Every structure is written in C-alpha cells, then in structure tokens.
C-alpha cells in the first residue's frame, strides 16, 4: 500500500463517521456543507460554498491545457416519520458515503491533476431532484467537458467488494390529474358530473397504453383522492397520481403526451374539466461508451477482473440533468459494491464501510487517466 493510502485524510471511514450523524434532508444541508468545506480548506483546496443552495464546489486547476472534468457526490439524506409524528433525517441512500469517498480522494487528486481542471462537486438536493438544476443555474456546468458520478450499491445488485462501471437509471416522472365535475345528490346523479367516474375511466385508459415491448417502461396509479363530504353526494373533484418510468427520455415524453391526450379526452367526454400538474421529472442515463469502457479498465486495474461486476440499475438520479442541460458533456456513473442491506432507502440500511476505499482508488485512477501526466485513455 502506498503512502497516499496511509494518509489520515485519505481514509473515507473517518469522513463517513463524521458525516453520517449530520444527516440533513434536501435543501437543509447546512452542517454537511460546512463540514465538507472545512475538510477541503484543511487540504488547501480552493472552493466555493453555497452553490445551488448548500453545495460546495472545489477546483483543482493544473494551469495546463486539458479538459475540465467534474466528479460529483450528492450530500442529502432522507426524511422518515417517527412514532410520535416527528421527522428524522437518515442517510439511508449512502450519500454520506459518496461525499466520504470523494473527500478521501481529494488530497491525492491535488497531486494527480497535471493538465486541465478538476471540479469536485458536492451536490445538495438529489433526493428531491432540485440540486443538479440549482447547481447548473449557478454555473457549475459552464466549462465542464466530462462529468462522472458514483453511488454505493446494495447486495441485491452486486457483491460486496466488487464495482460496476455503469449504473443505469430510467427516466421517471410523477403527475397528478384532477378531474373536476359537479356535485349532485346520489339519488339524482344525472344532475351532476361525477369526477370519480372520470378518474376510473382514465385509469383504465392509461392501463391500456402500449409502447415498444423491446424497451422497459411502466405507468401506474399510486394515489387517488376525492373531495371530502357526505357519502350520499357525488364529489366535486377527484385527483389521481401516477408514477411513470421509461428506459429512455423520448419514451417517457411519449408516455406523458399520450396520458395528457387521454386526460383531456376523458374530461371532454364526461362534460367535466381537469387540471394536470407534473410534480417531478428525472431524465434517464445517457453515458459515453468510451468513458464507461475506460472506467471498466480502471476497475480491473485497481481490483482485478473478478471484481468487475456487470451493469446494474434501477431508480432515478438527477445527475442526468447535467447531460440534458449540456448535451456535449460526456458522462459516466460507477457503482461501489458495499453489501448494503436490506436495501437503499431502507431506514435501517447498513453496509460494509471497509469497501469505501475502492471508490477512493477508482476516483484517483480516473483522474490519472483523464488529467494526469500521460496520454488520456479516453478522448478529451
């Protein structure tokens, strides 16, 4: 083991033990941001605080020509309800681990970067899908050529101690459709317009959507609410919420278009009105094949071919807004097998922290290949 691995500031577990109890939900990462900024200051790395909210952006500039590479770690936690009705923030998705790995690599990255520029981006607000867009608005993406993200993986995805060069994410959205009718006494339903009938008809239409069977996609109703009141009157409104998932961004856009048309047609057919709101949206992953191949090579070099796991995926990630908002940016996103169980977003999720060092090693090898003294293994 080299001297750089023995340095105290290169130990991710030290950072993890400090960050885990600081858990803060999206938009409230004040203490987390201050801790990260202070750690970077101790390393002598230039940084800017309060980017996109409580985000921190550190810059290692070689002063020599070369690409601008961005390494991104998310920093927010998840809210969970307690028995007394209060809420507690818990790092149940490993964002504390992501920051720990990047911080542990930071000190050595200063010595590794010999051409171009490296940005270490500690991003808030991933869980509510606001952080990447907020950082983009604050200019973090303007000079970036390559962006790389990372996430710990549960035991159900890849074995502990292994790594994958490609964590794929689907495009996803949540929409709410409110059908507005006219109330009537239940004995005279013809005098009103029943929005529950509209909602039921609409759900049936959505369930009949057929898209490319060779691609993965799904849409399903997840909540339905009606106007409160007496039980022998029809409601004045009924609201249905849908979760949408699609393998590609165009597929999700097509699904949204079809659902909007169906909603409009349903309201028109029944003589009612409607309101549609898109609650959130997250684009699908769109990785650069050469960059992914390079990261596979890094994993094999650092851990051995037997520790290279195949691509895995599931869920959504606002990291992909960096690609959507600047299509020229080449992206990749690797996974670190840490044996997380019983699974991500489980309040009692735990993992084997000794494997965080693998993420640190990979960050450094990626930087060597893209920004080190030698010729890049992946085109700039």
Protein backbone atom coordinates (compact mmCIF):
# COMPACT_ATOMS: atom_id res chain seq x y z
CA UNK A 1 0.00 0.00 0.00
CA UNK A 2 1.40 3.37 -0.98
CA UNK A 3 1.91 6.38 1.25
CA UNK A 4 -1.07 8.16 -0.24
CA UNK A 5 -3.37 5.37 1.01
CA UNK A 6 -1.94 5.61 4.52
CA UNK A 7 -2.53 9.34 4.96
CA UNK A 8 -5.29 10.05 7.53
CA UNK A 9 -7.07 12.42 5.14
CA UNK A 10 -7.28 9.55 2.61
CA UNK A 11 -9.37 7.35 4.91
CA UNK A 12 -13.03 7.51 3.84
CA UNK A 13 -14.29 5.91 7.05
CA UNK A 14 -13.08 8.94 9.04
CA UNK A 15 -15.26 11.20 6.91
CA UNK A 16 -18.15 8.76 6.93
CA UNK A 17 -18.20 8.58 10.72
CA UNK A 18 -18.37 12.38 10.86
CA UNK A 19 -20.96 12.86 8.09
CA UNK A 20 -23.38 10.07 8.97
CA UNK A 21 -24.79 11.71 12.13
CA UNK A 22 -25.04 15.09 10.34
CA UNK A 23 -27.84 13.75 8.10
CA UNK A 24 -29.94 16.59 6.63
CA UNK A 25 -32.77 16.46 4.09
CA UNK A 26 -32.79 18.16 0.70
CA UNK A 27 -32.40 21.91 0.93
CA UNK A 28 -31.22 21.85 4.55
CA UNK A 29 -27.65 20.56 4.24
CA UNK A 30 -26.08 23.46 6.20
CA UNK A 31 -23.94 21.44 8.61
CA UNK A 32 -22.97 18.94 5.92
CA UNK A 33 -21.84 21.74 3.61
CA UNK A 34 -19.82 23.41 6.38
CA UNK A 35 -18.09 20.13 7.27
CA UNK A 36 -17.14 19.42 3.65
CA UNK A 37 -15.91 22.97 3.11
CA UNK A 38 -13.78 22.83 6.28
CA UNK A 39 -12.26 19.50 5.24
CA UNK A 40 -11.30 20.92 1.84
CA UNK A 41 -9.86 24.02 3.48
CA UNK A 42 -7.59 21.86 5.64
CA UNK A 43 -6.28 20.28 2.43
CA UNK A 44 -5.64 23.70 0.94
CA UNK A 45 -8.08 23.17 -1.95
CA UNK A 46 -9.84 26.24 -3.37
CA UNK A 47 -13.60 26.01 -3.09
CA UNK A 48 -16.85 27.93 -3.37
CA UNK A 49 -19.64 27.40 -0.85
CA UNK A 50 -23.41 27.79 -1.21
CA UNK A 51 -23.55 26.69 -4.84
CA UNK A 52 -27.08 25.63 -5.73
CA UNK A 53 -28.05 26.06 -2.10
CA UNK A 54 -25.67 24.39 0.34
CA UNK A 55 -23.46 22.78 -2.30
CA UNK A 56 -19.69 23.01 -2.31
CA UNK A 57 -17.52 23.13 -5.44
CA UNK A 58 -13.76 22.64 -5.12
CA UNK A 59 -11.46 23.27 -8.08
CA UNK A 60 -8.05 21.76 -8.79
CA UNK A 61 -6.63 23.69 -11.74
CA UNK A 62 -3.35 22.49 -13.23
CA UNK A 63 -2.91 25.66 -15.30
CA UNK A 64 -2.06 23.45 -18.29
CA UNK A 65 -4.30 22.80 -21.30
CA UNK A 66 -6.72 19.93 -20.98
CA UNK A 67 -10.34 19.02 -20.36
CA UNK A 68 -12.48 20.17 -17.45
CA UNK A 69 -13.65 17.11 -15.55
CA UNK A 70 -16.33 17.11 -12.87
CA UNK A 71 -16.54 14.49 -10.10
CA UNK A 72 -19.90 14.67 -8.36
CA UNK A 73 -21.06 13.37 -4.96
CA UNK A 74 -24.53 14.00 -3.54
CA UNK A 75 -24.91 15.01 0.12
CA UNK A 76 -28.55 14.99 1.30
CA UNK A 77 -30.39 12.44 3.45
CA UNK A 78 -33.94 11.08 3.54
CA UNK A 79 -36.81 12.06 5.89
CA UNK A 80 -38.51 9.35 7.97
CA UNK A 81 -41.53 9.67 10.26
CA UNK A 82 -41.23 8.67 13.91
CA UNK A 83 -43.96 7.12 16.05
CA UNK A 84 -44.67 10.50 17.70
CA UNK A 85 -45.22 12.18 14.35
CA UNK A 86 -41.85 13.96 14.25
CA UNK A 87 -39.46 13.57 11.35
CA UNK A 88 -35.86 12.34 11.38
CA UNK A 89 -33.25 12.66 8.64
CA UNK A 90 -31.40 9.41 7.94
CA UNK A 91 -28.59 8.65 5.50
CA UNK A 92 -30.38 5.61 4.09
CA UNK A 93 -29.14 6.03 0.49
CA UNK A 94 -25.41 6.35 1.12
CA UNK A 95 -24.90 10.00 0.20
CA UNK A 96 -22.65 10.36 3.24
CA UNK A 97 -20.55 7.55 1.77
CA UNK A 98 -20.34 9.32 -1.59
CA UNK A 99 -19.03 12.51 -0.01
CA UNK A 100 -16.62 10.48 2.12
CA UNK A 101 -15.07 8.74 -0.87
CA UNK A 102 -14.58 11.97 -2.81
CA UNK A 103 -13.18 13.81 0.21
CA UNK A 104 -10.78 10.95 0.90
CA UNK A 105 -9.54 11.15 -2.69
CA UNK A 106 -9.28 14.95 -2.75
CA UNK A 107 -5.86 15.35 -1.12
CA UNK A 108 -4.20 12.98 -3.58
CA UNK A 109 -6.12 14.43 -6.53
CA UNK A 110 -4.25 17.70 -5.99
CA UNK A 111 -1.02 15.84 -6.82
CA UNK A 112 -2.54 13.76 -9.61
CA UNK A 113 -4.03 16.54 -11.75
CA UNK A 114 -1.31 17.72 -14.16
CA UNK A 115 -3.35 19.02 -17.08
CA UNK A 116 -6.78 20.55 -17.43
CA UNK A 117 -9.02 21.18 -14.46
CA UNK A 118 -10.91 19.01 -11.98
CA UNK A 119 -14.06 20.12 -10.19
CA UNK A 120 -15.13 18.28 -7.05
CA UNK A 121 -18.87 18.89 -6.80
CA UNK A 122 -20.66 18.12 -3.54
CA UNK A 123 -24.29 18.45 -4.58
CA UNK A 124 -27.31 19.08 -2.35
CA UNK A 125 -30.90 18.18 -3.13
CA UNK A 126 -30.59 14.94 -5.07
CA UNK A 127 -33.48 13.21 -3.32
CA UNK A 128 -36.00 15.91 -4.27
CA UNK A 129 -34.43 16.29 -7.75
CA UNK A 130 -33.65 20.00 -7.28
CA UNK A 131 -29.90 20.01 -6.59
CA UNK A 132 -28.39 19.41 -10.03
CA UNK A 133 -30.65 22.00 -11.64
CA UNK A 134 -29.84 24.52 -8.91
CA UNK A 135 -26.09 23.99 -9.37
CA UNK A 136 -26.44 24.28 -13.14
CA UNK A 137 -28.30 27.57 -12.64
CA UNK A 138 -25.35 28.76 -10.54
CA UNK A 139 -22.95 27.99 -13.40
CA UNK A 140 -21.27 24.77 -12.26
CA UNK A 141 -21.59 23.18 -15.71
CA UNK A 142 -20.41 26.03 -17.93
CA UNK A 143 -16.84 24.83 -18.54
CA UNK A 144 -17.33 21.08 -17.92
CA UNK A 145 -16.40 18.56 -20.64
CA UNK A 146 -16.74 15.31 -18.67
CA UNK A 147 -18.93 14.52 -15.63
CA UNK A 148 -18.64 11.38 -13.51
CA UNK A 149 -20.89 10.29 -10.66
CA UNK A 150 -20.90 7.36 -8.25
CA UNK A 151 -23.21 5.51 -5.88
CA UNK A 152 -22.84 2.67 -3.41
CA UNK A 153 -24.71 -0.47 -4.41
CA UNK A 154 -26.81 -2.87 -2.35
CA UNK A 155 -26.03 -6.54 -2.01
CA UNK A 156 -29.00 -7.32 -4.24
CA UNK A 157 -27.22 -5.55 -7.14
CA UNK A 158 -23.58 -6.57 -6.97
CA UNK A 159 -21.38 -8.43 -4.46
CA UNK A 160 -19.64 -6.53 -1.68
CA UNK A 161 -16.10 -5.64 -2.75
CA UNK A 162 -16.95 -5.55 -6.45
CA UNK A 163 -17.61 -2.50 -8.64
CA UNK A 164 -19.60 -1.74 -11.77
CA UNK A 165 -18.64 0.83 -14.38
CA UNK A 166 -22.25 1.52 -15.33
CA UNK A 167 -25.22 2.20 -13.04
CA UNK A 168 -28.14 2.84 -15.36
CA UNK A 169 -31.17 4.92 -14.39
CA UNK A 170 -34.56 5.25 -16.00
CA UNK A 171 -36.41 8.42 -16.88
CA UNK A 172 -39.18 8.96 -14.35
CA UNK A 173 -41.95 11.41 -13.57
CA UNK A 174 -44.85 11.88 -11.18
CA UNK A 175 -48.01 13.59 -12.37
CA UNK A 176 -51.30 14.47 -10.72
CA UNK A 177 -54.55 14.72 -12.68
CA UNK A 178 -57.51 16.42 -11.01
CA UNK A 179 -60.90 15.80 -12.64
CA UNK A 180 -63.42 18.48 -11.77
CA UNK A 181 -67.11 17.71 -12.02
CA UNK A 182 -70.31 18.97 -10.41
CA UNK A 183 -71.78 17.62 -7.18
CA UNK A 184 -75.21 16.03 -7.11
CA UNK A 185 -77.34 14.06 -4.68
CA UNK A 186 -76.70 10.36 -5.12
CA UNK A 187 -80.38 9.80 -5.93
CA UNK A 188 -80.09 12.24 -8.87
CA UNK A 189 -76.63 11.61 -10.34
CA UNK A 190 -77.75 12.88 -13.74
CA UNK A 191 -77.83 16.40 -12.28
CA UNK A 192 -74.10 16.42 -11.73
CA UNK A 193 -70.85 15.24 -13.28
CA UNK A 194 -69.12 12.56 -11.27
CA UNK A 195 -65.31 13.06 -11.30
CA UNK A 196 -64.78 9.60 -9.79
CA UNK A 197 -66.26 8.10 -12.95
CA UNK A 198 -63.83 10.23 -14.96
CA UNK A 199 -60.89 9.10 -12.85
CA UNK A 200 -61.86 5.42 -13.09
CA UNK A 201 -62.25 5.65 -16.86
CA UNK A 202 -58.92 7.45 -17.16
CA UNK A 203 -57.05 4.85 -15.10
CA UNK A 204 -58.40 2.17 -17.42
CA UNK A 205 -57.24 4.12 -20.47
CA UNK A 206 -53.75 4.62 -19.01
CA UNK A 207 -53.51 0.92 -18.23
CA UNK A 208 -54.19 0.23 -21.93
CA UNK A 209 -51.13 2.18 -23.12
CA UNK A 210 -48.86 0.08 -25.31
CA UNK A 211 -45.33 1.20 -26.12
CA UNK A 212 -42.29 -0.56 -27.57
CA UNK A 213 -42.22 -4.04 -25.93
CA UNK A 214 -38.45 -4.19 -26.50
CA UNK A 215 -37.93 -1.27 -24.11
CA UNK A 216 -38.67 -1.14 -20.39
CA UNK A 217 -41.43 1.21 -19.24
CA UNK A 218 -44.31 1.38 -16.79
CA UNK A 219 -47.03 3.73 -15.62
CA UNK A 220 -49.30 3.09 -12.70
CA UNK A 221 -51.78 4.96 -10.49
CA UNK A 222 -50.32 5.33 -6.99
CA UNK A 223 -52.85 7.57 -5.18
CA UNK A 224 -56.47 8.62 -5.62
CA UNK A 225 -58.23 11.28 -3.55
CA UNK A 226 -61.77 12.64 -3.68
CA UNK A 227 -63.41 15.76 -2.31
CA UNK A 228 -64.39 15.11 1.33
CA UNK A 229 -68.05 15.28 2.25
CA UNK A 230 -71.18 13.23 2.85
CA UNK A 231 -71.42 9.79 1.33
CA UNK A 232 -74.74 10.29 -0.45
CA UNK A 233 -73.42 13.12 -2.65
CA UNK A 234 -71.08 12.77 -5.61
CA UNK A 235 -67.73 14.56 -5.24
CA UNK A 236 -66.86 17.85 -6.83
CA UNK A 237 -63.38 16.64 -7.75
CA UNK A 238 -61.20 13.52 -7.83
CA UNK A 239 -57.43 13.51 -8.11
CA UNK A 240 -55.25 10.66 -9.34
CA UNK A 241 -51.44 10.46 -9.10
CA UNK A 242 -49.28 8.39 -11.43
CA UNK A 243 -45.67 7.19 -11.32
CA UNK A 244 -44.06 6.88 -14.76
CA UNK A 245 -40.83 5.07 -15.63
CA UNK A 246 -39.14 4.65 -19.01
CA UNK A 247 -35.83 3.37 -20.32
CA UNK A 248 -35.23 6.46 -22.44
CA UNK A 249 -36.16 10.12 -22.32
CA UNK A 250 -38.11 10.02 -25.65
CA UNK A 251 -40.13 7.07 -24.35
CA UNK A 252 -41.13 9.00 -21.23
CA UNK A 253 -42.04 12.06 -23.29
CA UNK A 254 -44.28 9.89 -25.49
CA UNK A 255 -45.95 8.43 -22.41
CA UNK A 256 -46.60 11.91 -20.98
CA UNK A 257 -48.03 13.06 -24.32
CA UNK A 258 -50.41 10.08 -24.50
CA UNK A 259 -51.56 10.50 -20.91
CA UNK A 260 -52.24 14.19 -21.43
CA UNK A 261 -54.35 13.47 -24.52
CA UNK A 262 -56.27 10.75 -22.70
CA UNK A 263 -56.98 13.04 -19.74
CA UNK A 264 -58.26 15.83 -21.99
CA UNK A 265 -60.46 13.39 -23.91
CA UNK A 266 -61.88 11.87 -20.71
CA UNK A 267 -62.86 15.23 -19.25
CA UNK A 268 -64.45 16.27 -22.55
CA UNK A 269 -66.40 13.03 -22.87
CA UNK A 270 -67.94 13.36 -19.40
CA UNK A 271 -68.53 17.10 -19.58
CA UNK A 272 -66.07 17.91 -16.80
CA UNK A 273 -62.83 19.83 -16.51
CA UNK A 274 -59.33 18.89 -15.43
CA UNK A 275 -56.04 20.20 -14.08
CA UNK A 276 -52.75 18.41 -14.74
CA UNK A 277 -49.59 19.04 -12.75
CA UNK A 278 -46.18 17.48 -13.20
CA UNK A 279 -44.79 17.03 -9.70
CA UNK A 280 -41.32 15.89 -10.65
CA UNK A 281 -39.27 14.71 -13.59
CA UNK A 282 -35.90 12.99 -13.82
CA UNK A 283 -34.12 12.10 -17.09
CA UNK A 284 -32.63 8.73 -17.99
CA UNK A 285 -28.91 7.95 -18.05
CA UNK A 286 -27.09 8.55 -21.34
CA UNK A 287 -23.47 7.51 -20.90
CA UNK A 288 -20.45 7.87 -23.16
CA UNK A 289 -19.36 4.35 -24.23
CA UNK A 290 -15.63 5.21 -24.32
CA UNK A 291 -15.78 6.70 -20.85
CA UNK A 292 -17.59 3.64 -19.49
CA UNK A 293 -15.01 1.37 -21.13
CA UNK A 294 -12.21 3.39 -19.54
CA UNK A 295 -13.79 3.03 -16.09
CA UNK A 296 -14.10 -0.72 -16.62
CA UNK A 297 -10.36 -0.74 -17.29
CA UNK A 298 -9.79 1.26 -14.10
CA UNK A 299 -11.76 -1.26 -12.03
CA UNK A 300 -9.84 -4.19 -13.48
CA UNK A 301 -6.54 -2.41 -12.80
CA UNK A 302 -7.41 -1.50 -9.22
CA UNK A 303 -9.37 -4.58 -8.09
CA UNK A 304 -8.86 -7.31 -10.67
CA UNK A 305 -11.09 -8.69 -13.40
CA UNK A 306 -13.00 -10.89 -10.95
CA UNK A 307 -14.26 -7.79 -9.12
CA UNK A 308 -15.71 -6.13 -12.22
CA UNK A 309 -19.49 -6.52 -11.98
CA UNK A 310 -21.86 -6.11 -14.93
CA UNK A 311 -24.00 -3.03 -15.43
CA UNK A 312 -26.80 -2.63 -12.92
CA UNK A 313 -29.57 -0.13 -12.45
CA UNK A 314 -32.94 0.96 -11.16
CA UNK A 315 -34.40 4.15 -9.79
CA UNK A 316 -33.78 7.70 -10.94
CA UNK A 317 -30.97 10.23 -10.50
CA UNK A 318 -30.87 13.98 -11.03
CA UNK A 319 -27.20 13.62 -12.09
CA UNK A 320 -28.53 13.16 -15.61
CA UNK A 321 -29.74 16.75 -15.80
CA UNK A 322 -26.06 17.63 -16.37
CA UNK A 323 -26.24 15.77 -19.70
CA UNK A 324 -29.70 17.05 -20.63
CA UNK A 325 -28.81 20.69 -19.97
CA UNK A 326 -25.45 20.44 -21.76
CA UNK A 327 -25.60 17.61 -24.33
CA UNK A 328 -21.90 17.94 -25.21
CA UNK A 329 -20.92 16.76 -21.72
CA UNK A 330 -19.74 13.17 -21.68
CA UNK A 331 -20.99 11.29 -18.63
CA UNK A 332 -20.43 8.06 -16.72
CA UNK A 333 -21.58 6.78 -13.34
CA UNK A 334 -19.97 3.89 -11.48
CA UNK A 335 -21.18 1.76 -8.57
CA UNK A 336 -19.32 0.65 -5.47
CA UNK A 337 -20.37 -2.70 -4.03
CA UNK A 338 -20.51 -2.35 -0.26
CA UNK A 339 -23.06 -5.02 0.65
CA UNK A 340 -25.76 -2.50 1.58
CA UNK A 341 -28.73 -4.26 3.18
CA UNK A 342 -31.66 -4.63 3.45
CA UNK A 343 -31.60 -2.11 0.59
CA UNK A 344 -31.28 1.53 -0.39
CA UNK A 345 -33.90 3.87 1.10
CA UNK A 346 -34.48 1.45 3.97
CA UNK A 347 -34.29 3.30 7.27
CA UNK A 348 -32.18 0.54 8.82
CA UNK A 349 -29.82 0.28 5.85
CA UNK A 350 -26.22 -0.58 6.78
CA UNK A 351 -23.18 -1.52 4.72
CA UNK A 352 -19.55 -2.61 4.99
CA UNK A 353 -17.58 0.62 5.20
CA UNK A 354 -14.24 -1.06 4.52
CA UNK A 355 -15.16 -1.19 0.82
CA UNK A 356 -15.40 2.60 0.50
CA UNK A 357 -11.68 2.65 -0.16
CA UNK A 358 -12.41 1.04 -3.54
CA UNK A 359 -14.32 4.13 -4.56
CA UNK A 360 -11.42 6.31 -3.46
CA UNK A 361 -9.00 4.27 -5.55
CA UNK A 362 -11.26 4.49 -8.59
CA UNK A 363 -11.69 8.28 -8.33
CA UNK A 364 -7.92 8.64 -8.34
CA UNK A 365 -7.31 6.30 -11.26
CA UNK A 366 -9.98 8.02 -13.35
CA UNK A 367 -8.27 11.35 -12.64
CA UNK A 368 -4.86 9.93 -13.59
CA UNK A 369 -6.15 8.78 -16.96
CA UNK A 370 -8.08 11.93 -17.81
CA UNK A 371 -5.92 14.61 -16.19
CA UNK A 372 -2.57 13.02 -15.33
CA UNK A 373 0.83 13.34 -16.96
CA UNK A 374 0.26 10.57 -19.51
CA UNK A 375 -1.90 10.49 -22.58
CA UNK A 376 -5.58 10.14 -21.68
CA UNK A 377 -7.05 6.70 -22.20
CA UNK A 378 -10.30 8.37 -23.20
CA UNK A 379 -10.57 11.22 -25.72
CA UNK A 380 -10.90 14.68 -24.08
